[in-house]
């Protein structure tokens, strides 16, 4: 039970006894990026051997496609370190991919034929084949175009000292791990209430290449720019809309975010819930797997959500099993578009703001969330991704309708208090500076990245492809020119060699047939 108020926490954490525990925030970044040719088409080359095994390399892998790279930083405790690590990983990768570029937008470049998008390959081991079959299932369920949309995942955790202090302030005597899980779920519930802020502030996909639709009819009222691109005038993040990374079959699921047990039970039920639509695809047909199973979720990763509770899983352990056994370790924020205005796809200033926003969500009491209220929150999100900069837009906060400007200014009064607290703890002014910059976007939508891209394509009549390629070329040149900041060349070369050795050992250790391996996994 949460006894304290937001103001109680602000007062308490301003005390020297509690303040230092705010400095132990852990952060990790997962950045996706398509490999493209200098003329703006998808690369058709396989994953480069010289950047390591996509199955086992800790920092460089692939997502859905061979051409969709994913860069993963380890946990770091300074925002600057996370950015430096990501720049180093990208620098090494760019050196190995023979002049190819990293596409700096969430929505893909020109794709002539979605069927030619190559699925990611992970070798001949059972686990490698399973990863490939899962992607084959995604292709058959949703099509390949949805799967080459890129995003940023931001992993975030507080220190145990922070949670111990929060527990003291609450006079709570629960087991600490149980308390931590409960409070991470309270954070998630608050995030769901306010997560429309994220696509408004950072959405960078209001414009798409017409090839993305592959001539399929669309319900969205697209306009066409003079240069031939499709856009919605007030959209912020088409990536987060039904056009992008969603699964309509999941709309019937009622995943509970009020407790760890309720969440795990909901996810595990969804994994076992058969889908008539997906079952028609077939599982193993003429000796070839079309998907892992015919259920609404093949595996837990298929649950598309803007935020997830996470725990590092052990070998052979499912994500929900790890959560159930050892509790929530961190959260994964998934509603972030690629920021095309910085080489890493996420800026240092964004990390500072996410620290503030997620700390606010942790300190704001939230006793529970019912299904009807969750639908309202999702409706706010849907409205903002499609028309977040529309001055006529009204959002629902409880039984009140509020303009985005009104509600945004209310929230930022609290965020400013959190920013002051984090600056005091870290002896900086970076957090208050970040809040000031983001508040300006609330009061002037023309400052948002989505407005800047619409202006570029519609008002200035420029080519989105030329903008993206010019940015990608400049980012490649500057990253190759700059020295390593955190890692070094030898470290990466050694990690590449080890990743190939690790993959070979996994392949040599398999004793089960692939069919039996899958039976065991889903038993």
Protein backbone atom coordinates (compact mmCIF):
# COMPACT_ATOMS: atom_id res chain seq x y z
CA UNK A 1 0.00 0.00 0.00
CA UNK A 2 1.33 3.45 -0.93
CA UNK A 3 0.91 5.84 1.98
CA UNK A 4 2.95 8.84 0.88
CA UNK A 5 2.07 11.60 -1.58
CA UNK A 6 4.20 13.00 -4.39
CA UNK A 7 5.02 16.06 -2.26
CA UNK A 8 5.99 13.81 0.67
CA UNK A 9 8.54 12.11 -1.53
CA UNK A 10 9.91 15.39 -2.89
CA UNK A 11 10.40 16.70 0.66
CA UNK A 12 11.96 13.45 1.87
CA UNK A 13 14.39 13.02 -1.03
CA UNK A 14 15.58 16.59 -0.60
CA UNK A 15 17.08 15.46 2.72
CA UNK A 16 20.74 14.54 2.66
CA UNK A 17 20.02 11.08 4.05
CA UNK A 18 18.00 10.16 0.96
CA UNK A 19 19.31 12.43 -1.80
CA UNK A 20 22.42 10.38 -2.83
CA UNK A 21 20.28 7.34 -3.72
CA UNK A 22 18.93 9.27 -6.72
CA UNK A 23 22.36 9.10 -8.40
CA UNK A 24 22.33 5.35 -8.95
CA UNK A 25 20.08 5.28 -12.01
CA UNK A 26 21.04 2.55 -14.49
CA UNK A 27 20.48 3.06 -18.22
CA UNK A 28 20.87 0.94 -21.30
CA UNK A 29 20.00 1.73 -24.92
CA UNK A 30 18.89 -0.60 -27.71
CA UNK A 31 19.01 1.26 -31.02
CA UNK A 32 17.71 -0.27 -34.26
CA UNK A 33 18.93 0.91 -37.67
CA UNK A 34 18.44 -0.32 -41.22
CA UNK A 35 21.52 -0.86 -43.36
CA UNK A 36 20.99 1.04 -46.60
CA UNK A 37 22.96 1.68 -49.76
CA UNK A 38 24.15 5.22 -50.60
CA UNK A 39 21.30 5.58 -53.11
CA UNK A 40 18.71 4.95 -50.37
CA UNK A 41 17.70 1.33 -50.99
CA UNK A 42 17.84 -1.51 -48.48
CA UNK A 43 21.09 -3.44 -48.47
CA UNK A 44 20.77 -7.01 -49.73
CA UNK A 45 24.01 -8.16 -48.11
CA UNK A 46 23.93 -10.62 -45.21
CA UNK A 47 24.96 -9.59 -41.70
CA UNK A 48 28.69 -8.84 -41.91
CA UNK A 49 30.94 -11.55 -40.48
CA UNK A 50 33.35 -8.90 -39.20
CA UNK A 51 30.80 -7.42 -36.79
CA UNK A 52 30.26 -10.76 -35.11
CA UNK A 53 27.61 -13.40 -34.67
CA UNK A 54 24.12 -11.93 -34.50
CA UNK A 55 23.22 -14.80 -32.17
CA UNK A 56 25.86 -14.23 -29.52
CA UNK A 57 27.50 -10.80 -29.83
CA UNK A 58 26.57 -8.75 -26.73
CA UNK A 59 26.44 -5.35 -28.49
CA UNK A 60 25.70 -5.90 -32.19
CA UNK A 61 22.86 -8.09 -33.41
CA UNK A 62 19.87 -8.00 -35.77
CA UNK A 63 16.17 -7.61 -35.13
CA UNK A 64 13.65 -8.88 -37.70
CA UNK A 65 15.74 -8.67 -40.85
CA UNK A 66 19.35 -9.26 -41.81
CA UNK A 67 19.38 -5.57 -42.72
CA UNK A 68 17.89 -4.31 -39.43
CA UNK A 69 20.82 -3.91 -37.08
CA UNK A 70 20.39 -3.56 -33.33
CA UNK A 71 23.02 -1.94 -31.13
CA UNK A 72 22.91 -2.70 -27.41
CA UNK A 73 24.79 -0.81 -24.71
CA UNK A 74 25.49 -2.36 -21.32
CA UNK A 75 24.07 -0.78 -18.17
CA UNK A 76 25.81 2.50 -17.37
CA UNK A 77 25.25 5.05 -14.62
CA UNK A 78 26.00 8.28 -16.49
CA UNK A 79 23.94 9.49 -19.48
CA UNK A 80 27.13 10.59 -21.24
CA UNK A 81 28.55 7.08 -20.93
CA UNK A 82 25.51 5.50 -22.59
CA UNK A 83 25.79 7.86 -25.56
CA UNK A 84 29.57 7.32 -25.84
CA UNK A 85 29.11 3.53 -25.81
CA UNK A 86 26.49 3.73 -28.55
CA UNK A 87 28.70 5.97 -30.69
CA UNK A 88 31.60 3.55 -30.30
CA UNK A 89 29.47 0.54 -31.27
CA UNK A 90 28.21 2.38 -34.34
CA UNK A 91 31.74 3.54 -35.28
CA UNK A 92 33.05 -0.03 -35.25
CA UNK A 93 30.04 -1.30 -37.21
CA UNK A 94 30.33 1.41 -39.87
CA UNK A 95 33.98 0.46 -40.41
CA UNK A 96 32.97 -3.12 -41.26
CA UNK A 97 29.94 -2.70 -43.54
CA UNK A 98 31.66 -1.56 -46.72
CA UNK A 99 30.29 1.94 -47.22
CA UNK A 100 26.71 1.15 -46.24
CA UNK A 101 24.81 3.71 -44.17
CA UNK A 102 22.61 3.57 -41.09
CA UNK A 103 19.15 4.87 -41.99
CA UNK A 104 18.41 7.67 -39.48
CA UNK A 105 14.59 7.42 -39.51
CA UNK A 106 12.13 5.03 -37.87
CA UNK A 107 10.08 4.44 -41.01
CA UNK A 108 11.97 2.54 -43.71
CA UNK A 109 13.52 3.85 -46.90
CA UNK A 110 12.25 2.95 -50.37
CA UNK A 111 11.33 -0.75 -50.47
CA UNK A 112 10.35 -2.08 -53.90
CA UNK A 113 9.12 -5.51 -52.79
CA UNK A 114 8.45 -6.39 -49.15
CA UNK A 115 8.79 -10.10 -49.93
CA UNK A 116 12.47 -9.52 -50.69
CA UNK A 117 13.24 -8.23 -47.19
CA UNK A 118 15.56 -10.97 -45.87
CA UNK A 119 14.79 -12.60 -42.53
CA UNK A 120 17.55 -12.48 -39.93
CA UNK A 121 19.72 -15.61 -39.81
CA UNK A 122 21.25 -17.00 -36.61
CA UNK A 123 22.99 -20.19 -37.68
CA UNK A 124 22.08 -23.86 -37.44
CA UNK A 125 21.60 -24.27 -33.68
CA UNK A 126 18.14 -24.99 -32.33
CA UNK A 127 17.95 -21.61 -30.60
CA UNK A 128 19.18 -19.89 -33.77
CA UNK A 129 16.59 -21.69 -35.88
CA UNK A 130 13.89 -20.79 -33.35
CA UNK A 131 14.75 -17.10 -33.65
CA UNK A 132 14.45 -17.40 -37.43
CA UNK A 133 11.15 -19.31 -37.25
CA UNK A 134 9.74 -16.65 -34.93
CA UNK A 135 10.54 -14.03 -37.56
CA UNK A 136 9.01 -16.20 -40.26
CA UNK A 137 5.87 -16.17 -38.13
CA UNK A 138 5.96 -12.38 -37.86
CA UNK A 139 6.26 -12.14 -41.63
CA UNK A 140 3.31 -14.46 -42.21
CA UNK A 141 1.17 -12.73 -39.57
CA UNK A 142 1.83 -9.05 -40.21
CA UNK A 143 3.95 -8.76 -43.33
CA UNK A 144 7.59 -7.74 -43.61
CA UNK A 145 7.11 -3.98 -43.90
CA UNK A 146 5.93 -3.63 -40.32
CA UNK A 147 9.02 -5.48 -39.18
CA UNK A 148 11.59 -3.11 -40.70
CA UNK A 149 10.37 -0.13 -38.71
CA UNK A 150 13.14 0.94 -36.33
CA UNK A 151 12.91 2.32 -32.82
CA UNK A 152 14.77 2.97 -29.60
CA UNK A 153 14.31 0.90 -26.46
CA UNK A 154 15.43 2.65 -23.27
CA UNK A 155 16.18 0.42 -20.30
CA UNK A 156 15.96 2.08 -16.90
CA UNK A 157 16.45 1.05 -13.27
CA UNK A 158 16.80 2.64 -9.85
CA UNK A 159 19.41 1.57 -7.31
CA UNK A 160 18.42 -0.71 -4.43
CA UNK A 161 19.28 2.16 -2.11
CA UNK A 162 16.60 4.26 -3.80
CA UNK A 163 14.00 1.55 -3.20
CA UNK A 164 15.13 1.04 0.41
CA UNK A 165 14.70 4.76 1.03
CA UNK A 166 11.29 4.78 -0.62
CA UNK A 167 10.29 1.86 1.58
CA UNK A 168 11.45 3.74 4.69
CA UNK A 169 9.47 6.84 3.72
CA UNK A 170 6.38 4.64 3.30
CA UNK A 171 7.00 2.77 6.58
CA UNK A 172 6.63 -0.36 4.50
CA UNK A 173 7.79 -3.70 5.92
CA UNK A 174 7.28 -5.95 2.86
CA UNK A 175 10.05 -8.10 1.45
CA UNK A 176 12.27 -5.63 -0.44
CA UNK A 177 12.16 -7.50 -3.76
CA UNK A 178 8.37 -7.69 -3.58
CA UNK A 179 8.22 -3.98 -2.76
CA UNK A 180 10.48 -3.15 -5.71
CA UNK A 181 8.30 -5.15 -8.11
CA UNK A 182 5.13 -3.52 -6.78
CA UNK A 183 6.57 -0.06 -7.20
CA UNK A 184 7.91 -0.74 -10.69
CA UNK A 185 4.36 -1.70 -11.63
CA UNK A 186 3.07 1.54 -10.10
CA UNK A 187 5.63 3.36 -12.28
CA UNK A 188 4.35 1.46 -15.34
CA UNK A 189 0.74 2.41 -14.56
CA UNK A 190 1.70 6.08 -14.32
CA UNK A 191 3.72 5.81 -17.51
CA UNK A 192 0.63 4.48 -19.28
CA UNK A 193 -1.34 7.48 -18.02
CA UNK A 194 1.19 10.02 -19.29
CA UNK A 195 2.94 8.16 -22.12
CA UNK A 196 1.25 10.34 -24.78
CA UNK A 197 3.95 12.86 -23.83
CA UNK A 198 6.65 10.68 -25.39
CA UNK A 199 5.38 10.62 -29.01
CA UNK A 200 4.40 14.27 -28.71
CA UNK A 201 7.87 15.36 -27.61
CA UNK A 202 9.93 12.84 -29.60
CA UNK A 203 7.74 11.41 -32.35
CA UNK A 204 9.71 11.68 -35.61
CA UNK A 205 7.61 9.75 -38.10
CA UNK A 206 4.76 11.96 -39.42
CA UNK A 207 5.87 11.36 -43.02
CA UNK A 208 6.36 8.08 -44.90
CA UNK A 209 7.59 6.91 -48.27
CA UNK A 210 4.59 5.77 -50.34
CA UNK A 211 6.36 2.44 -50.96
CA UNK A 212 5.70 1.56 -47.31
CA UNK A 213 2.01 0.94 -48.05
CA UNK A 214 2.82 -1.45 -50.94
CA UNK A 215 -0.38 -0.24 -52.69
CA UNK A 216 -2.59 -1.50 -49.85
CA UNK A 217 -5.74 0.55 -49.10
CA UNK A 218 -5.49 2.72 -45.99
CA UNK A 219 -8.03 4.22 -43.61
CA UNK A 220 -5.79 7.11 -42.59
CA UNK A 221 -6.47 10.45 -44.34
CA UNK A 222 -3.02 10.86 -45.87
CA UNK A 223 -2.05 13.92 -47.84
CA UNK A 224 0.68 13.84 -50.49
CA UNK A 225 3.50 16.36 -50.49
CA UNK A 226 4.76 18.00 -53.66
CA UNK A 227 7.78 15.68 -53.50
CA UNK A 228 5.52 12.59 -53.34
CA UNK A 229 5.62 11.66 -49.64
CA UNK A 230 2.55 10.74 -47.61
CA UNK A 231 1.94 12.60 -44.36
CA UNK A 232 -0.63 13.55 -41.75
CA UNK A 233 -0.54 17.23 -40.97
CA UNK A 234 -0.66 16.92 -37.16
CA UNK A 235 0.80 13.42 -36.73
CA UNK A 236 3.74 12.80 -34.42
CA UNK A 237 4.59 9.09 -34.69
CA UNK A 238 3.06 6.95 -37.43
CA UNK A 239 5.39 4.25 -36.18
CA UNK A 240 3.25 4.02 -33.03
CA UNK A 241 -0.07 4.03 -34.94
CA UNK A 242 -2.01 1.07 -36.35
CA UNK A 243 0.06 1.62 -39.48
CA UNK A 244 3.20 0.73 -37.57
CA UNK A 245 4.32 -1.67 -34.90
CA UNK A 246 1.02 -3.00 -33.57
CA UNK A 247 -0.88 -6.27 -33.37
CA UNK A 248 -4.67 -5.92 -33.65
CA UNK A 249 -5.12 -9.48 -32.43
CA UNK A 250 -3.69 -8.37 -29.07
CA UNK A 251 -6.44 -5.78 -28.54
CA UNK A 252 -8.61 -8.49 -26.98
CA UNK A 253 -5.94 -9.30 -24.39
CA UNK A 254 -6.33 -7.79 -20.95
CA UNK A 255 -2.82 -7.78 -19.53
CA UNK A 256 -2.99 -6.67 -15.89
CA UNK A 257 -0.43 -4.14 -14.65
CA UNK A 258 -1.61 -4.04 -11.02
CA UNK A 259 0.76 -6.74 -9.76
CA UNK A 260 3.60 -8.97 -10.85
CA UNK A 261 1.50 -12.12 -10.44
CA UNK A 262 -1.37 -10.65 -12.45
CA UNK A 263 0.95 -9.53 -15.24
CA UNK A 264 2.76 -12.87 -15.50
CA UNK A 265 -0.54 -14.77 -15.47
CA UNK A 266 -1.89 -12.56 -18.27
CA UNK A 267 1.19 -12.97 -20.45
CA UNK A 268 1.36 -16.73 -19.93
CA UNK A 269 -2.34 -17.06 -20.74
CA UNK A 270 -1.84 -15.06 -23.94
CA UNK A 271 0.99 -17.34 -25.03
CA UNK A 272 -1.36 -20.32 -24.73
CA UNK A 273 -4.38 -18.61 -26.31
CA UNK A 274 -5.11 -19.97 -29.78
CA UNK A 275 -5.89 -17.60 -32.65
CA UNK A 276 -8.21 -18.75 -35.42
CA UNK A 277 -6.62 -16.25 -37.81
CA UNK A 278 -3.03 -17.29 -37.10
CA UNK A 279 -3.86 -21.01 -36.95
CA UNK A 280 -4.98 -20.82 -40.58
CA UNK A 281 -1.37 -20.01 -41.54
CA UNK A 282 -0.29 -23.43 -40.34
CA UNK A 283 2.71 -24.23 -38.17
CA UNK A 284 4.76 -26.87 -39.99
CA UNK A 285 3.68 -27.29 -43.59
CA UNK A 286 5.45 -29.62 -46.05
CA UNK A 287 8.35 -29.94 -43.63
CA UNK A 288 8.90 -26.17 -43.26
CA UNK A 289 7.96 -24.07 -40.24
CA UNK A 290 5.75 -21.07 -40.99
CA UNK A 291 5.59 -19.92 -37.35
CA UNK A 292 6.30 -21.29 -33.88
CA UNK A 293 2.61 -21.89 -33.10
CA UNK A 294 -0.86 -20.60 -33.97
CA UNK A 295 -1.40 -18.67 -30.75
CA UNK A 296 -2.02 -14.93 -30.34
CA UNK A 297 1.60 -14.67 -29.16
CA UNK A 298 4.21 -17.07 -30.52
CA UNK A 299 6.49 -16.06 -27.64
CA UNK A 300 6.42 -13.28 -25.06
CA UNK A 301 8.49 -10.91 -27.21
CA UNK A 302 5.51 -10.60 -29.55
CA UNK A 303 3.56 -8.64 -26.91
CA UNK A 304 3.71 -5.10 -28.32
CA UNK A 305 3.60 -2.62 -25.46
CA UNK A 306 5.01 0.89 -24.96
CA UNK A 307 6.64 -0.23 -21.71
CA UNK A 308 7.61 -3.61 -20.24
CA UNK A 309 8.76 -4.90 -16.84
CA UNK A 310 12.01 -6.82 -17.32
CA UNK A 311 14.44 -9.16 -15.59
CA UNK A 312 17.57 -10.59 -17.21
CA UNK A 313 16.69 -14.22 -17.97
CA UNK A 314 19.03 -17.13 -17.43
CA UNK A 315 19.80 -19.64 -20.19
CA UNK A 316 16.64 -21.43 -21.27
CA UNK A 317 14.42 -19.27 -19.04
CA UNK A 318 11.38 -17.46 -20.43
CA UNK A 319 11.07 -13.72 -19.59
CA UNK A 320 7.92 -14.24 -17.51
CA UNK A 321 9.60 -17.05 -15.57
CA UNK A 322 12.53 -14.77 -14.73
CA UNK A 323 10.11 -12.09 -13.51
CA UNK A 324 8.09 -14.54 -11.45
CA UNK A 325 11.14 -16.07 -9.78
CA UNK A 326 13.23 -12.97 -9.05
CA UNK A 327 10.99 -9.93 -9.53
CA UNK A 328 11.29 -6.83 -11.71
CA UNK A 329 14.87 -5.68 -12.28
CA UNK A 330 14.31 -2.79 -14.70
CA UNK A 331 11.79 -1.38 -17.16
CA UNK A 332 12.02 -1.08 -20.92
CA UNK A 333 10.53 2.03 -22.55
CA UNK A 334 9.59 1.22 -26.15
CA UNK A 335 7.65 4.25 -27.42
CA UNK A 336 10.66 6.15 -28.80
CA UNK A 337 11.12 6.91 -32.49
CA UNK A 338 14.60 7.20 -33.95
CA UNK A 339 15.70 10.82 -33.53
CA UNK A 340 16.97 11.77 -37.02
CA UNK A 341 18.68 14.91 -35.76
CA UNK A 342 21.43 13.06 -33.83
CA UNK A 343 23.82 10.31 -34.95
CA UNK A 344 22.80 7.89 -32.17
CA UNK A 345 19.05 8.11 -32.74
CA UNK A 346 18.60 9.34 -29.16
CA UNK A 347 20.11 12.50 -27.71
CA UNK A 348 21.76 13.14 -24.37
CA UNK A 349 18.99 15.63 -23.57
CA UNK A 350 16.36 12.93 -24.18
CA UNK A 351 18.05 10.67 -21.64
CA UNK A 352 17.98 13.44 -19.05
CA UNK A 353 14.28 14.00 -19.69
CA UNK A 354 13.48 10.28 -19.52
CA UNK A 355 15.25 10.16 -16.14
CA UNK A 356 12.97 12.95 -14.94
CA UNK A 357 9.81 11.50 -16.42
CA UNK A 358 10.36 7.97 -15.12
CA UNK A 359 11.36 9.23 -11.66
CA UNK A 360 8.13 11.25 -11.63
CA UNK A 361 6.20 8.11 -12.55
CA UNK A 362 7.90 6.29 -9.66
CA UNK A 363 7.11 9.01 -7.10
CA UNK A 364 3.50 9.62 -8.09
CA UNK A 365 1.13 7.29 -6.18
CA UNK A 366 -0.97 4.96 -8.35
CA UNK A 367 -2.99 2.35 -6.46
CA UNK A 368 -4.35 0.48 -9.49
CA UNK A 369 -5.54 0.49 -13.07
CA UNK A 370 -8.72 -1.11 -14.40
CA UNK A 371 -9.26 -2.23 -17.98
CA UNK A 372 -11.63 0.64 -18.84
CA UNK A 373 -9.15 3.28 -17.64
CA UNK A 374 -6.34 1.56 -19.49
CA UNK A 375 -8.42 1.84 -22.69
CA UNK A 376 -8.79 5.59 -22.07
CA UNK A 377 -5.01 5.93 -21.71
CA UNK A 378 -4.48 3.97 -24.92
CA UNK A 379 -7.01 6.22 -26.63
CA UNK A 380 -5.02 9.30 -25.59
CA UNK A 381 -1.90 7.70 -27.02
CA UNK A 382 -3.65 6.88 -30.30
CA UNK A 383 -4.90 10.45 -30.61
CA UNK A 384 -1.49 11.99 -30.02
CA UNK A 385 0.35 9.76 -32.50
CA UNK A 386 -2.11 10.75 -35.26
CA UNK A 387 -2.97 14.34 -34.36
CA UNK A 388 -0.86 15.40 -31.39
CA UNK A 389 -0.16 18.87 -32.82
CA UNK A 390 -3.81 19.60 -33.63
CA UNK A 391 -4.82 22.61 -31.47
CA UNK A 392 -8.37 21.21 -31.28
CA UNK A 393 -7.22 17.93 -29.70
CA UNK A 394 -8.68 17.08 -26.28
CA UNK A 395 -7.30 14.32 -24.07
CA UNK A 396 -9.11 12.45 -21.29
CA UNK A 397 -7.74 12.68 -17.74
CA UNK A 398 -10.19 10.91 -15.47
CA UNK A 399 -13.57 12.55 -15.95
CA UNK A 400 -12.03 15.73 -17.40
CA UNK A 401 -11.20 16.71 -20.97
CA UNK A 402 -8.01 18.72 -21.28
CA UNK A 403 -6.09 20.26 -24.12
CA UNK A 404 -2.59 18.91 -24.57
CA UNK A 405 -1.19 22.33 -23.65
CA UNK A 406 -3.21 22.54 -20.42
CA UNK A 407 -2.42 19.00 -19.27
CA UNK A 408 1.18 19.25 -20.38
CA UNK A 409 1.77 22.41 -18.34
CA UNK A 410 0.18 20.77 -15.28
CA UNK A 411 2.49 17.76 -15.57
CA UNK A 412 5.56 19.92 -16.14
CA UNK A 413 5.03 21.71 -12.82
CA UNK A 414 5.69 18.37 -11.12
CA UNK A 415 8.45 17.43 -13.56
CA UNK A 416 10.25 20.66 -12.71
CA UNK A 417 10.33 19.63 -9.05
CA UNK A 418 11.81 16.26 -9.99
CA UNK A 419 14.38 17.96 -12.24
CA UNK A 420 15.49 20.22 -9.37
CA UNK A 421 15.81 17.15 -7.14
CA UNK A 422 17.93 15.23 -9.66
CA UNK A 423 20.14 18.27 -10.32
CA UNK A 424 20.67 18.67 -6.58
CA UNK A 425 21.61 14.99 -6.25
CA UNK A 426 23.98 15.10 -9.24
CA UNK A 427 25.36 18.62 -8.66
CA UNK A 428 24.30 19.70 -12.15
CA UNK A 429 21.82 21.83 -14.05
CA UNK A 430 21.28 19.37 -16.92
CA UNK A 431 17.89 18.18 -15.70
CA UNK A 432 16.34 21.62 -15.32
CA UNK A 433 17.72 22.61 -18.72
CA UNK A 434 16.08 19.52 -20.25
CA UNK A 435 12.70 20.31 -18.68
CA UNK A 436 12.85 23.89 -19.96
CA UNK A 437 13.55 22.68 -23.52
CA UNK A 438 10.74 20.12 -23.50
CA UNK A 439 8.21 22.50 -21.94
CA UNK A 440 8.85 24.87 -24.84
CA UNK A 441 7.58 22.11 -27.18
CA UNK A 442 4.36 21.82 -25.17
CA UNK A 443 3.65 25.51 -25.70
CA UNK A 444 4.97 25.66 -29.27
CA UNK A 445 4.34 22.49 -31.33
CA UNK A 446 6.45 23.86 -34.19
CA UNK A 447 9.51 22.96 -32.09
CA UNK A 448 8.71 19.24 -32.06
CA UNK A 449 10.71 16.94 -34.37
CA UNK A 450 7.50 15.83 -36.10
CA UNK A 451 6.63 19.45 -36.98
CA UNK A 452 10.18 20.03 -38.23
CA UNK A 453 9.92 17.03 -40.59
CA UNK A 454 6.50 18.04 -41.90
CA UNK A 455 7.83 21.55 -42.49
CA UNK A 456 10.83 20.14 -44.35
CA UNK A 457 8.76 17.98 -46.69
CA UNK A 458 5.56 20.01 -47.07
CA UNK A 459 6.44 23.68 -46.64
CA UNK A 460 10.01 23.56 -47.95
CA UNK A 461 9.18 20.92 -50.59
CA UNK A 462 12.33 18.93 -49.85
CA UNK A 463 12.94 15.22 -50.28
CA UNK A 464 12.76 13.19 -47.07
CA UNK A 465 15.04 10.60 -48.66
CA UNK A 466 17.69 13.20 -49.52
CA UNK A 467 17.47 14.62 -45.99
CA UNK A 468 17.88 11.13 -44.48
CA UNK A 469 20.75 10.16 -46.79
CA UNK A 470 22.56 13.45 -46.26
CA UNK A 471 22.22 13.00 -42.49
CA UNK A 472 23.37 9.37 -42.68
CA UNK A 473 26.42 10.30 -44.77
CA UNK A 474 27.37 13.07 -42.35
CA UNK A 475 26.87 10.83 -39.32
CA UNK A 476 28.99 8.09 -40.89
CA UNK A 477 31.81 10.52 -41.72
CA UNK A 478 31.88 12.10 -38.26
CA UNK A 479 31.71 8.80 -36.41
CA UNK A 480 34.49 7.25 -38.47
CA UNK A 481 36.60 10.36 -37.96
CA UNK A 482 36.09 10.53 -34.19
CA UNK A 483 38.14 8.36 -31.86
CA UNK A 484 36.73 5.72 -29.56
CA UNK A 485 35.52 7.13 -26.23
CA UNK A 486 34.67 4.09 -24.11
CA UNK A 487 35.73 0.98 -26.01
CA UNK A 488 38.67 0.46 -28.38
CA UNK A 489 39.23 -1.40 -31.64
CA UNK A 490 40.95 -4.36 -30.00
CA UNK A 491 38.03 -4.87 -27.62
CA UNK A 492 35.59 -5.08 -30.51
CA UNK A 493 37.81 -7.37 -32.59
CA UNK A 494 38.11 -9.74 -29.62
CA UNK A 495 34.35 -9.68 -28.99
CA UNK A 496 33.68 -10.53 -32.65
CA UNK A 497 36.00 -13.56 -32.48
CA UNK A 498 34.46 -14.70 -29.21
CA UNK A 499 30.93 -14.36 -30.59
CA UNK A 500 31.71 -16.68 -33.51
CA UNK A 501 33.35 -19.17 -31.13
CA UNK A 502 30.31 -19.02 -28.83
CA UNK A 503 27.94 -19.64 -31.73
CA UNK A 504 30.00 -22.65 -32.87
CA UNK A 505 29.93 -24.10 -29.34
CA UNK A 506 26.15 -23.69 -29.11
CA UNK A 507 25.72 -25.43 -32.47
CA UNK A 508 28.01 -28.28 -31.43
CA UNK A 509 26.22 -28.78 -28.11
CA UNK A 510 22.74 -29.44 -29.53
CA UNK A 511 21.54 -33.00 -28.83
CA UNK A 512 17.81 -32.69 -29.59
CA UNK A 513 16.19 -32.49 -32.99
CA UNK A 514 14.64 -29.08 -33.75
CA UNK A 515 11.12 -30.52 -33.41
CA UNK A 516 11.92 -31.93 -29.97
CA UNK A 517 13.65 -28.72 -28.92
CA UNK A 518 10.48 -26.73 -29.67
CA UNK A 519 8.31 -29.28 -27.84
CA UNK A 520 10.52 -28.96 -24.77
CA UNK A 521 10.54 -25.15 -24.95
CA UNK A 522 6.75 -24.89 -25.04
CA UNK A 523 6.07 -27.76 -22.64
